[in-house]
Amino acid sequence: MPRKPTSKPRKQGSHVRTNRRFWEAGSDEYDQRHRKSIGGDRAAAWGLWRIPESSLRLLGPIRGKSILELGCGAARWSIWLARSGARSVGFDATRSQLDKARRLVSTEHVRLPLLQGNAERLPLQDATFDTVFCDWGAMTFCDPTKTVPECARVLRPDGRLVFSTASPIRYVAFDQRRDGQTRRLERSYFDLHQVQLGETVEFQLPYGAWIELFSRSGLAVERLLETRPDPAWRSTYVDRRDRRWARDWPMEAIWSVRKTTRSIGARVGRSTTR
């Protein structure tokens, strides 16, 4: 759930330290709260509503593919991929989350390299992976003007980047006082980029800026899903009132883009039309 935005300014780049500190401290509580919705048969599922990959088929064939998960947490997704025949790698910013991942990897007896670092500067060689994906992980908490070119760089030609994150509409209609969604517009759509939410910093762009960023990074949009929950669905991430809100407006977006040309690694800024 989004936390109450603050107006306290932060130094450029400090979001990396801020978010890492938050997740190091809160990883145990997060795991306890959401374990049932992200573990077991629900490990390979997307977003707030845990829509199964078997239904969406966003990753395509996975057997024998090299797949990188950004913001893997306890690596349940990546473990499922490894058990399904993928050569998967888990990447996360926090030691506490990766400690959990190592324990699960040992229990499951799978081969799964786990790396710690900043997704804005991936310590990986060019053209290494067939797929890079992220389920509300690093693509939410890192600057996309840096992560998207980095993802393009480590993807092989025709490789795919798939990630779920908030919809821009979610931030535009976020009520600071109630710490939840509203039916009023609360902030500028065109000025979306870095959003301070209490103890965390999240990132978002207008749709046009996302598409420009993908294009400049050598990526073409194949699919954009704006998930709409069934009235009977439940989520450990969203309360009842915000679930009703999400029936009328998109709270979540899942992007699927493919590498079509050699990434130039450019850092793309926001563009607006007045």
C-alpha atoms as a PDB file:
ATOM      1  CA  MET A   1       0.000   0.000   0.000  1.00  0.00           C
ATOM      2  CA  PRO A   2       1.222   3.544  -0.693  1.00  0.00           C
ATOM      3  CA  ARG A   3       2.380   5.441   2.362  1.00  0.00           C
ATOM      4  CA  LYS A   4       1.610   9.049   3.088  1.00  0.00           C
ATOM      5  CA  PRO A   5       3.667  11.326   0.830  1.00  0.00           C
ATOM      6  CA  THR A   6       5.932  13.850   2.517  1.00  0.00           C
ATOM      7  CA  SER A   7       7.299  17.143   1.287  1.00  0.00           C
ATOM      8  CA  LYS A   8      10.746  16.659   2.829  1.00  0.00           C
ATOM      9  CA  PRO A   9      13.337  17.037   0.052  1.00  0.00           C
ATOM     10  CA  ARG A  10      15.889  14.306  -0.567  1.00  0.00           C
ATOM     11  CA  LYS A  11      19.284  14.516  -2.182  1.00  0.00           C
ATOM     12  CA  GLN A  12      19.540  13.065  -5.675  1.00  0.00           C
ATOM     13  CA  GLY A  13      20.369   9.379  -5.435  1.00  0.00           C
ATOM     14  CA  SER A  14      19.454   9.117  -1.753  1.00  0.00           C
ATOM     15  CA  HIS A  15      16.372   7.053  -2.676  1.00  0.00           C
ATOM     16  CA  VAL A  16      18.649   4.020  -3.080  1.00  0.00           C
ATOM     17  CA  ARG A  17      19.820   4.240   0.533  1.00  0.00           C
ATOM     18  CA  THR A  18      16.365   5.192   1.805  1.00  0.00           C
ATOM     19  CA  ASN A  19      14.620   2.245   0.165  1.00  0.00           C
ATOM     20  CA  ARG A  20      17.346  -0.224   1.080  1.00  0.00           C
ATOM     21  CA  ARG A  21      17.138   0.865   4.729  1.00  0.00           C
ATOM     22  CA  PHE A  22      13.349   0.472   4.717  1.00  0.00           C
ATOM     23  CA  TRP A  23      13.417  -3.032   3.231  1.00  0.00           C
ATOM     24  CA  GLU A  24      16.251  -4.207   5.453  1.00  0.00           C
ATOM     25  CA  ALA A  25      14.196  -3.231   8.495  1.00  0.00           C
ATOM     26  CA  GLY A  26      10.822  -4.393   7.199  1.00  0.00           C
ATOM     27  CA  SER A  27      11.556  -7.611   5.320  1.00  0.00           C
ATOM     28  CA  ASP A  28      10.486  -9.928   8.163  1.00  0.00           C
ATOM     29  CA  GLU A  29       7.160  -8.139   8.652  1.00  0.00           C
ATOM     30  CA  TYR A  30       6.541  -8.113   4.900  1.00  0.00           C
ATOM     31  CA  ASP A  31       7.242 -11.817   4.615  1.00  0.00           C
ATOM     32  CA  GLN A  32       4.937 -12.680   7.494  1.00  0.00           C
ATOM     33  CA  ARG A  33       2.091 -10.552   6.134  1.00  0.00           C
ATOM     34  CA  HIS A  34       2.222 -11.766   2.537  1.00  0.00           C
ATOM     35  CA  ARG A  35       3.738 -15.250   2.738  1.00  0.00           C
ATOM     36  CA  LYS A  36       0.499 -17.052   1.915  1.00  0.00           C
ATOM     37  CA  SER A  37      -0.216 -14.874  -1.136  1.00  0.00           C
ATOM     38  CA  ILE A  38       3.299 -15.066  -2.623  1.00  0.00           C
ATOM     39  CA  GLY A  39       4.365 -18.582  -1.653  1.00  0.00           C
ATOM     40  CA  GLY A  40       3.581 -22.099  -2.799  1.00  0.00           C
ATOM     41  CA  ASP A  41       1.356 -22.282  -5.859  1.00  0.00           C
ATOM     42  CA  ARG A  42       1.054 -18.466  -5.879  1.00  0.00           C
ATOM     43  CA  ALA A  43       4.775 -17.845  -6.318  1.00  0.00           C
ATOM     44  CA  ALA A  44       4.462 -17.567 -10.112  1.00  0.00           C
ATOM     45  CA  ALA A  45       1.748 -14.914 -10.104  1.00  0.00           C
ATOM     46  CA  TRP A  46       1.585 -11.223 -10.881  1.00  0.00           C
ATOM     47  CA  GLY A  47       0.909  -8.117  -8.926  1.00  0.00           C
ATOM     48  CA  LEU A  48      -1.538  -7.006  -6.296  1.00  0.00           C
ATOM     49  CA  TRP A  49      -4.136  -9.595  -7.283  1.00  0.00           C
ATOM     50  CA  ARG A  50      -1.702 -12.517  -7.761  1.00  0.00           C
ATOM     51  CA  ILE A  51      -2.864 -13.347 -11.279  1.00  0.00           C
ATOM     52  CA  PRO A  52      -1.163 -16.622 -12.291  1.00  0.00           C
ATOM     53  CA  GLU A  53       1.524 -16.553 -14.966  1.00  0.00           C
ATOM     54  CA  SER A  54      -0.213 -19.636 -16.378  1.00  0.00           C
ATOM     55  CA  SER A  55      -3.163 -17.352 -17.220  1.00  0.00           C
ATOM     56  CA  LEU A  56      -1.262 -14.305 -18.503  1.00  0.00           C
ATOM     57  CA  ARG A  57       1.675 -16.117 -20.145  1.00  0.00           C
ATOM     58  CA  LEU A  58       3.798 -12.969 -20.111  1.00  0.00           C
ATOM     59  CA  LEU A  59       7.194 -14.638 -19.818  1.00  0.00           C
ATOM     60  CA  GLY A  60       6.700 -16.982 -22.761  1.00  0.00           C
ATOM     61  CA  PRO A  61       8.586 -20.292 -22.905  1.00  0.00           C
ATOM     62  CA  ILE A  62      10.942 -20.504 -19.924  1.00  0.00           C
ATOM     63  CA  ARG A  63      12.680 -23.888 -20.164  1.00  0.00           C
ATOM     64  CA  GLY A  64      16.333 -23.351 -20.961  1.00  0.00           C
ATOM     65  CA  LYS A  65      15.981 -19.535 -20.894  1.00  0.00           C
ATOM     66  CA  SER A  66      18.248 -17.195 -18.928  1.00  0.00           C
ATOM     67  CA  ILE A  67      15.973 -15.092 -16.724  1.00  0.00           C
ATOM     68  CA  LEU A  68      16.854 -12.250 -14.330  1.00  0.00           C
ATOM     69  CA  GLU A  69      14.443 -11.205 -11.560  1.00  0.00           C
ATOM     70  CA  LEU A  70      14.947  -7.630 -10.342  1.00  0.00           C
ATOM     71  CA  GLY A  71      13.909  -7.121  -6.727  1.00  0.00           C
ATOM     72  CA  CYS A  72      13.517 -10.827  -6.118  1.00  0.00           C
ATOM     73  CA  GLY A  73      12.975 -10.603  -2.356  1.00  0.00           C
ATOM     74  CA  ALA A  74      12.942 -14.137  -1.003  1.00  0.00           C
ATOM     75  CA  ALA A  75      13.204 -15.367  -4.621  1.00  0.00           C
ATOM     76  CA  ARG A  76      10.057 -17.492  -4.632  1.00  0.00           C
ATOM     77  CA  TRP A  77       9.354 -16.499  -8.254  1.00  0.00           C
ATOM     78  CA  SER A  78      12.920 -17.343  -9.327  1.00  0.00           C
ATOM     79  CA  ILE A  79      12.865 -20.646  -7.454  1.00  0.00           C
ATOM     80  CA  TRP A  80       9.707 -21.619  -9.341  1.00  0.00           C
ATOM     81  CA  LEU A  81      11.405 -20.684 -12.611  1.00  0.00           C
ATOM     82  CA  ALA A  82      14.488 -22.742 -11.752  1.00  0.00           C
ATOM     83  CA  ARG A  83      12.316 -25.742 -10.904  1.00  0.00           C
ATOM     84  CA  SER A  84      10.579 -25.267 -14.270  1.00  0.00           C
ATOM     85  CA  GLY A  85      13.818 -25.501 -16.221  1.00  0.00           C
ATOM     86  CA  ALA A  86      14.938 -21.878 -16.490  1.00  0.00           C
ATOM     87  CA  ARG A  87      18.452 -20.636 -15.764  1.00  0.00           C
ATOM     88  CA  SER A  88      17.265 -17.981 -13.349  1.00  0.00           C
ATOM     89  CA  VAL A  89      19.161 -15.362 -11.353  1.00  0.00           C
ATOM     90  CA  GLY A  90      17.765 -13.416  -8.388  1.00  0.00           C
ATOM     91  CA  PHE A  91      18.819  -9.801  -7.795  1.00  0.00           C
ATOM     92  CA  ASP A  92      17.890  -7.681  -4.793  1.00  0.00           C
ATOM     93  CA  ALA A  93      19.145  -4.626  -2.923  1.00  0.00           C
ATOM     94  CA  THR A  94      18.719  -6.011   0.585  1.00  0.00           C
ATOM     95  CA  ARG A  95      20.787  -8.518   2.503  1.00  0.00           C
ATOM     96  CA  SER A  96      17.879  -9.547   4.744  1.00  0.00           C
ATOM     97  CA  GLN A  97      15.711 -10.544   1.786  1.00  0.00           C
ATOM     98  CA  LEU A  98      18.543 -12.442   0.133  1.00  0.00           C
ATOM     99  CA  ASP A  99      19.224 -14.317   3.380  1.00  0.00           C
ATOM    100  CA  LYS A 100      15.651 -15.615   3.198  1.00  0.00           C
ATOM    101  CA  ALA A 101      16.168 -16.457  -0.460  1.00  0.00           C
ATOM    102  CA  ARG A 102      19.293 -18.492   0.302  1.00  0.00           C
ATOM    103  CA  ARG A 103      17.439 -20.531   2.906  1.00  0.00           C
ATOM    104  CA  LEU A 104      14.608 -21.255   0.482  1.00  0.00           C
ATOM    105  CA  VAL A 105      17.037 -22.131  -2.323  1.00  0.00           C
ATOM    106  CA  SER A 106      18.763 -24.591  -0.001  1.00  0.00           C
ATOM    107  CA  THR A 107      15.440 -26.133   1.024  1.00  0.00           C
ATOM    108  CA  GLU A 108      14.246 -26.463  -2.576  1.00  0.00           C
ATOM    109  CA  HIS A 109      17.580 -27.875  -3.814  1.00  0.00           C
ATOM    110  CA  VAL A 110      17.715 -25.694  -6.928  1.00  0.00           C
ATOM    111  CA  ARG A 111      20.604 -23.916  -8.595  1.00  0.00           C
ATOM    112  CA  LEU A 112      19.879 -20.209  -8.320  1.00  0.00           C
ATOM    113  CA  PRO A 113      22.595 -17.524  -8.193  1.00  0.00           C
ATOM    114  CA  LEU A 114      21.624 -14.611  -5.936  1.00  0.00           C
ATOM    115  CA  LEU A 115      23.167 -11.157  -6.334  1.00  0.00           C
ATOM    116  CA  GLN A 116      22.939  -8.026  -4.199  1.00  0.00           C
ATOM    117  CA  GLY A 117      23.174  -4.580  -5.743  1.00  0.00           C
ATOM    118  CA  ASN A 118      21.493  -1.520  -7.203  1.00  0.00           C
ATOM    119  CA  ALA A 119      19.269  -2.143 -10.234  1.00  0.00           C
ATOM    120  CA  GLU A 120      20.204   1.269 -11.612  1.00  0.00           C
ATOM    121  CA  ARG A 121      23.746  -0.060 -12.174  1.00  0.00           C
ATOM    122  CA  LEU A 122      23.556  -3.786 -12.842  1.00  0.00           C
ATOM    123  CA  PRO A 123      26.879  -5.604 -12.276  1.00  0.00           C
ATOM    124  CA  LEU A 124      26.199  -7.833 -15.279  1.00  0.00           C
ATOM    125  CA  GLN A 125      27.556  -8.165 -18.784  1.00  0.00           C
ATOM    126  CA  ASP A 126      25.763  -6.964 -21.906  1.00  0.00           C
ATOM    127  CA  ALA A 127      23.368  -9.324 -23.705  1.00  0.00           C
ATOM    128  CA  THR A 128      23.279 -11.916 -20.914  1.00  0.00           C
ATOM    129  CA  PHE A 129      19.560 -12.666 -20.464  1.00  0.00           C
ATOM    130  CA  ASP A 130      16.616 -13.763 -22.571  1.00  0.00           C
ATOM    131  CA  THR A 131      14.172 -12.233 -20.082  1.00  0.00           C
ATOM    132  CA  VAL A 132      14.316  -9.642 -17.317  1.00  0.00           C
ATOM    133  CA  PHE A 133      11.253  -9.383 -15.105  1.00  0.00           C
ATOM    134  CA  CYS A 134      10.100  -7.649 -11.961  1.00  0.00           C
ATOM    135  CA  ASP A 135       6.938  -8.080  -9.896  1.00  0.00           C
ATOM    136  CA  TRP A 136       6.553  -4.840  -7.912  1.00  0.00           C
ATOM    137  CA  GLY A 137      10.270  -4.847  -7.133  1.00  0.00           C
ATOM    138  CA  ALA A 138      13.152  -2.728  -8.338  1.00  0.00           C
ATOM    139  CA  MET A 139      11.172  -1.165 -11.190  1.00  0.00           C
ATOM    140  CA  THR A 140       8.957   0.498  -8.566  1.00  0.00           C
ATOM    141  CA  PHE A 141      11.694   1.658  -6.189  1.00  0.00           C
ATOM    142  CA  CYS A 142      14.435   2.666  -8.662  1.00  0.00           C
ATOM    143  CA  ASP A 143      14.574   5.440 -11.242  1.00  0.00           C
ATOM    144  CA  PRO A 144      13.246   4.020 -14.544  1.00  0.00           C
ATOM    145  CA  THR A 145      15.377   6.442 -16.570  1.00  0.00           C
ATOM    146  CA  LYS A 146      18.308   4.369 -15.291  1.00  0.00           C
ATOM    147  CA  THR A 147      16.812   0.892 -14.860  1.00  0.00           C
ATOM    148  CA  VAL A 148      15.160   0.644 -18.276  1.00  0.00           C
ATOM    149  CA  PRO A 149      18.388   1.294 -20.245  1.00  0.00           C
ATOM    150  CA  GLU A 150      20.203  -1.119 -17.917  1.00  0.00           C
ATOM    151  CA  CYS A 151      17.607  -3.828 -18.566  1.00  0.00           C
ATOM    152  CA  ALA A 152      17.917  -3.226 -22.301  1.00  0.00           C
ATOM    153  CA  ARG A 153      21.696  -3.504 -22.034  1.00  0.00           C
ATOM    154  CA  VAL A 154      21.688  -6.926 -20.326  1.00  0.00           C
ATOM    155  CA  LEU A 155      18.974  -8.332 -22.616  1.00  0.00           C
ATOM    156  CA  ARG A 156      19.885 -10.341 -25.682  1.00  0.00           C
ATOM    157  CA  PRO A 157      18.463  -9.268 -29.050  1.00  0.00           C
ATOM    158  CA  ASP A 158      14.733 -10.041 -29.110  1.00  0.00           C
ATOM    159  CA  GLY A 159      14.818 -10.405 -25.305  1.00  0.00           C
ATOM    160  CA  ARG A 160      11.870  -9.355 -23.199  1.00  0.00           C
ATOM    161  CA  LEU A 161      11.420  -7.028 -20.196  1.00  0.00           C
ATOM    162  CA  VAL A 162       8.234  -7.658 -18.197  1.00  0.00           C
ATOM    163  CA  PHE A 163       7.322  -5.820 -14.996  1.00  0.00           C
ATOM    164  CA  SER A 164       4.340  -4.994 -12.821  1.00  0.00           C
ATOM    165  CA  THR A 165       4.140  -1.706 -10.959  1.00  0.00           C
ATOM    166  CA  ALA A 166       1.632   0.975 -10.062  1.00  0.00           C
ATOM    167  CA  SER A 167      -0.449   2.697 -12.689  1.00  0.00           C
ATOM    168  CA  PRO A 168       0.236   6.432 -13.064  1.00  0.00           C
ATOM    169  CA  ILE A 169      -3.444   6.952 -12.210  1.00  0.00           C
ATOM    170  CA  ARG A 170      -2.824   5.462  -8.774  1.00  0.00           C
ATOM    171  CA  TYR A 171      -0.467   8.296  -7.835  1.00  0.00           C
ATOM    172  CA  VAL A 172      -2.558  11.037  -9.412  1.00  0.00           C
ATOM    173  CA  ALA A 173      -5.540   9.944  -7.303  1.00  0.00           C
ATOM    174  CA  PHE A 174      -3.703   9.244  -4.043  1.00  0.00           C
ATOM    175  CA  ASP A 175      -5.181  10.963  -0.952  1.00  0.00           C
ATOM    176  CA  GLN A 176      -2.346  12.091   1.304  1.00  0.00           C
ATOM    177  CA  ARG A 177      -4.597  12.589   4.325  1.00  0.00           C
ATOM    178  CA  ARG A 178      -6.298   9.192   4.172  1.00  0.00           C
ATOM    179  CA  ASP A 179      -3.250   7.314   2.909  1.00  0.00           C
ATOM    180  CA  GLY A 180      -5.359   5.697   0.219  1.00  0.00           C
ATOM    181  CA  GLN A 181      -7.065   6.192  -3.128  1.00  0.00           C
ATOM    182  CA  THR A 182      -9.571   8.951  -3.815  1.00  0.00           C
ATOM    183  CA  ARG A 183     -12.038   9.797  -6.553  1.00  0.00           C
ATOM    184  CA  ARG A 184     -10.428  13.234  -6.904  1.00  0.00           C
ATOM    185  CA  LEU A 185      -7.249  14.213  -8.734  1.00  0.00           C
ATOM    186  CA  GLU A 186      -4.631  15.067  -6.119  1.00  0.00           C
ATOM    187  CA  ARG A 187      -1.422  15.769  -8.082  1.00  0.00           C
ATOM    188  CA  SER A 188      -0.089  16.640 -11.510  1.00  0.00           C
ATOM    189  CA  TYR A 189       0.014  13.775 -13.989  1.00  0.00           C
ATOM    190  CA  PHE A 190       2.681  15.456 -16.117  1.00  0.00           C
ATOM    191  CA  ASP A 191       5.046  15.981 -13.170  1.00  0.00           C
ATOM    192  CA  LEU A 192       5.145  12.331 -12.112  1.00  0.00           C
ATOM    193  CA  HIS A 193       8.607  10.934 -11.525  1.00  0.00           C
ATOM    194  CA  GLN A 194       9.916  10.574  -7.965  1.00  0.00           C
ATOM    195  CA  VAL A 195       7.183  10.177  -5.347  1.00  0.00           C
ATOM    196  CA  GLN A 196       8.071  10.240  -1.664  1.00  0.00           C
ATOM    197  CA  LEU A 197       5.786   7.952   0.345  1.00  0.00           C
ATOM    198  CA  GLY A 198       6.713   8.187   4.000  1.00  0.00           C
ATOM    199  CA  GLU A 199       9.706   5.926   4.529  1.00  0.00           C
ATOM    200  CA  THR A 200      10.026   4.878   0.887  1.00  0.00           C
ATOM    201  CA  VAL A 201      10.575   6.564  -2.467  1.00  0.00           C
ATOM    202  CA  GLU A 202       8.741   5.221  -5.519  1.00  0.00           C
ATOM    203  CA  PHE A 203       8.980   6.137  -9.192  1.00  0.00           C
ATOM    204  CA  GLN A 204       6.393   6.586 -11.893  1.00  0.00           C
ATOM    205  CA  LEU A 205       6.086   8.244 -15.306  1.00  0.00           C
ATOM    206  CA  PRO A 206       3.209   9.371 -17.523  1.00  0.00           C
ATOM    207  CA  TYR A 207       2.357   6.770 -20.168  1.00  0.00           C
ATOM    208  CA  GLY A 208       3.866   8.817 -22.979  1.00  0.00           C
ATOM    209  CA  ALA A 209       7.145   9.193 -21.075  1.00  0.00           C
ATOM    210  CA  TRP A 210       7.269   5.418 -20.492  1.00  0.00           C
ATOM    211  CA  ILE A 211       6.835   4.764 -24.230  1.00  0.00           C
ATOM    212  CA  GLU A 212       9.482   7.342 -25.154  1.00  0.00           C
ATOM    213  CA  LEU A 213      11.882   5.819 -22.611  1.00  0.00           C
ATOM    214  CA  PHE A 214      11.346   2.318 -24.002  1.00  0.00           C
ATOM    215  CA  SER A 215      11.875   3.527 -27.566  1.00  0.00           C
ATOM    216  CA  ARG A 216      15.070   5.426 -26.740  1.00  0.00           C
ATOM    217  CA  SER A 217      16.381   2.287 -24.995  1.00  0.00           C
ATOM    218  CA  GLY A 218      15.755   0.069 -28.019  1.00  0.00           C
ATOM    219  CA  LEU A 219      12.590  -1.555 -26.647  1.00  0.00           C
ATOM    220  CA  ALA A 220       9.180  -1.910 -28.289  1.00  0.00           C
ATOM    221  CA  VAL A 221       5.934  -2.245 -26.338  1.00  0.00           C
ATOM    222  CA  GLU A 222       4.213  -5.574 -26.951  1.00  0.00           C
ATOM    223  CA  ARG A 223       1.587  -5.507 -24.251  1.00  0.00           C
ATOM    224  CA  LEU A 224       0.221  -3.295 -21.475  1.00  0.00           C
ATOM    225  CA  LEU A 225      -2.177  -4.803 -18.962  1.00  0.00           C
ATOM    226  CA  GLU A 226      -4.135  -2.609 -16.568  1.00  0.00           C
ATOM    227  CA  THR A 227      -5.414  -5.148 -14.086  1.00  0.00           C
ATOM    228  CA  ARG A 228      -8.987  -4.947 -12.869  1.00  0.00           C
ATOM    229  CA  PRO A 229      -9.860  -7.116  -9.855  1.00  0.00           C
ATOM    230  CA  ASP A 230     -12.870  -9.353  -9.890  1.00  0.00           C
ATOM    231  CA  PRO A 231     -15.302  -8.303  -7.094  1.00  0.00           C
ATOM    232  CA  ALA A 232     -14.597 -11.588  -5.322  1.00  0.00           C
ATOM    233  CA  TRP A 233     -10.805 -11.205  -5.362  1.00  0.00           C
ATOM    234  CA  ARG A 234      -8.896 -10.415  -2.188  1.00  0.00           C
ATOM    235  CA  SER A 235      -5.416  -9.001  -1.730  1.00  0.00           C
ATOM    236  CA  THR A 236      -3.045  -8.763   1.213  1.00  0.00           C
ATOM    237  CA  TYR A 237      -1.770  -5.517  -0.339  1.00  0.00           C
ATOM    238  CA  VAL A 238      -5.040  -3.625  -0.844  1.00  0.00           C
ATOM    239  CA  ASP A 239      -7.856  -2.899   1.606  1.00  0.00           C
ATOM    240  CA  ARG A 240     -11.556  -3.195   0.768  1.00  0.00           C
ATOM    241  CA  ARG A 241     -12.068   0.484  -0.060  1.00  0.00           C
ATOM    242  CA  ASP A 242      -9.115   0.667  -2.430  1.00  0.00           C
ATOM    243  CA  ARG A 243     -10.176  -2.627  -3.986  1.00  0.00           C
ATOM    244  CA  ARG A 244     -13.499  -1.009  -4.899  1.00  0.00           C
ATOM    245  CA  TRP A 245     -11.564   1.948  -6.310  1.00  0.00           C
ATOM    246  CA  ALA A 246      -9.533  -0.419  -8.480  1.00  0.00           C
ATOM    247  CA  ARG A 247     -12.736  -1.690 -10.078  1.00  0.00           C
ATOM    248  CA  ASP A 248     -13.216   1.757 -11.669  1.00  0.00           C
ATOM    249  CA  TRP A 249      -9.652   2.988 -12.318  1.00  0.00           C
ATOM    250  CA  PRO A 250      -6.372   1.184 -12.992  1.00  0.00           C
ATOM    251  CA  MET A 251      -4.299   0.749  -9.832  1.00  0.00           C
ATOM    252  CA  GLU A 252      -1.701  -1.488 -11.436  1.00  0.00           C
ATOM    253  CA  ALA A 253       0.059  -1.799 -14.798  1.00  0.00           C
ATOM    254  CA  ILE A 254       2.007  -4.719 -16.241  1.00  0.00           C
ATOM    255  CA  TRP A 255       4.325  -3.829 -19.112  1.00  0.00           C
ATOM    256  CA  SER A 256       5.821  -6.279 -21.601  1.00  0.00           C
ATOM    257  CA  VAL A 257       8.441  -4.814 -23.955  1.00  0.00           C
ATOM    258  CA  ARG A 258      10.905  -6.466 -26.314  1.00  0.00           C
ATOM    259  CA  LYS A 259      14.437  -5.503 -27.345  1.00  0.00           C
ATOM    260  CA  THR A 260      14.364  -4.729 -31.041  1.00  0.00           C
ATOM    261  CA  THR A 261      17.582  -2.784 -31.539  1.00  0.00           C
ATOM    262  CA  ARG A 262      20.885  -2.384 -29.790  1.00  0.00           C
ATOM    263  CA  SER A 263      20.305  -0.362 -26.626  1.00  0.00           C
ATOM    264  CA  ILE A 264      22.096   2.966 -26.637  1.00  0.00           C
ATOM    265  CA  GLY A 265      22.025   3.135 -22.853  1.00  0.00           C
ATOM    266  CA  ALA A 266      20.763   6.710 -22.952  1.00  0.00           C
ATOM    267  CA  ARG A 267      19.387   8.343 -19.855  1.00  0.00           C
ATOM    268  CA  VAL A 268      16.013   9.658 -20.913  1.00  0.00           C
ATOM    269  CA  GLY A 269      14.387  12.518 -19.055  1.00  0.00           C
ATOM    270  CA  ARG A 270      10.715  13.275 -18.730  1.00  0.00           C
ATOM    271  CA  SER A 271       8.897  14.989 -21.567  1.00  0.00           C
ATOM    272  CA  THR A 272       5.623  16.841 -21.307  1.00  0.00           C
ATOM    273  CA  THR A 273       3.247  18.529 -23.711  1.00  0.00           C
ATOM    274  CA  ARG A 274       1.699  21.692 -22.450  1.00  0.00           C
END
